[in-house]
Amino acid sequence: MMKSNVEVEELIGVLEKIRKEKYPDIPEKLIREIVANEFEQQDDRAQAKKGTKKLIDEFLKDVNVGEVE
């Protein structure tokens, strides 16, 4: 369980490094939104999953086929 914004920022830093190296087509904003959602809903896993799925679905809806590989 993440307890502070410091831990959240450390996690985002690690995820951002991975994203830049392996998945540059995925926007940094999406990663930040997913982490924020998971942090805010950490006591309600069903709600966290629902929120994360919604964020990903919205991102994919706006992506043209072949744009993200």
Protein backbone atom coordinates (compact mmCIF):
# COMPACT_ATOMS: atom_id res chain seq x y z
CA MET A 1 0.00 0.00 0.00
CA MET A 2 1.35 3.40 -0.97
CA LYS A 3 1.29 5.82 1.90
CA SER A 4 2.50 9.14 0.58
CA ASN A 5 2.95 11.33 -2.43
CA VAL A 6 6.69 10.70 -2.20
CA GLU A 7 6.14 6.99 -2.82
CA VAL A 8 3.73 7.77 -5.64
CA GLU A 9 6.26 10.07 -7.30
CA GLU A 10 8.99 7.44 -6.93
CA LEU A 11 6.72 4.88 -8.59
CA ILE A 12 5.88 7.30 -11.40
CA GLY A 13 9.60 7.94 -11.90
CA VAL A 14 10.31 4.24 -12.34
CA LEU A 15 7.31 3.73 -14.61
CA GLU A 16 8.28 6.76 -16.67
CA LYS A 17 11.78 5.38 -17.22
CA ILE A 18 10.31 2.06 -18.41
CA ARG A 19 7.74 3.85 -20.57
CA LYS A 20 10.38 6.00 -22.30
CA GLU A 21 12.62 3.01 -23.00
CA LYS A 22 10.06 0.39 -24.02
CA TYR A 23 6.71 2.07 -24.69
CA PRO A 24 7.33 5.63 -25.93
CA ASP A 25 3.99 5.72 -27.79
CA ILE A 26 2.07 5.54 -24.52
CA PRO A 27 1.62 9.06 -23.14
CA GLU A 28 3.14 9.95 -19.79
CA LYS A 29 -0.21 11.51 -18.85
CA LEU A 30 -1.93 8.12 -19.10
CA ILE A 31 0.58 6.52 -16.74
CA ARG A 32 0.17 9.37 -14.25
CA GLU A 33 -3.63 9.10 -14.41
CA ILE A 34 -3.54 5.35 -13.84
CA VAL A 35 -1.19 5.69 -10.86
CA ALA A 36 -3.32 8.50 -9.40
CA ASN A 37 -6.47 6.40 -9.81
CA GLU A 38 -4.88 3.37 -8.17
CA PHE A 39 -3.57 5.51 -5.29
CA GLU A 40 -6.92 7.23 -4.71
CA GLN A 41 -8.85 3.94 -4.83
CA GLN A 42 -6.35 1.70 -3.04
CA ASP A 43 -8.91 0.71 -0.41
CA ASP A 44 -11.50 -0.28 -3.03
CA ARG A 45 -9.86 -2.62 -5.56
CA ALA A 46 -13.04 -3.04 -7.64
CA GLN A 47 -13.37 0.73 -8.04
CA ALA A 48 -9.64 1.05 -8.83
CA LYS A 49 -9.92 -1.60 -11.53
CA LYS A 50 -13.01 0.06 -12.99
CA GLY A 51 -11.31 3.47 -13.06
CA THR A 52 -8.13 2.10 -14.64
CA LYS A 53 -10.11 0.25 -17.30
CA LYS A 54 -12.02 3.44 -18.10
CA LEU A 55 -8.77 5.41 -18.51
CA ILE A 56 -7.31 2.77 -20.82
CA ASP A 57 -10.54 2.43 -22.82
CA GLU A 58 -10.68 6.22 -23.32
CA PHE A 59 -7.05 6.24 -24.47
CA LEU A 60 -7.62 3.37 -26.91
CA LYS A 61 -10.77 4.97 -28.28
CA ASP A 62 -8.70 7.97 -29.38
CA VAL A 63 -5.84 5.96 -30.87
CA ASN A 64 -5.81 5.06 -34.55
CA VAL A 65 -5.10 1.45 -35.38
CA GLY A 66 -1.34 1.01 -35.85
CA GLU A 67 -0.54 4.22 -33.98
CA VAL A 68 0.51 2.35 -30.84
CA GLU A 69 2.29 -0.95 -31.24
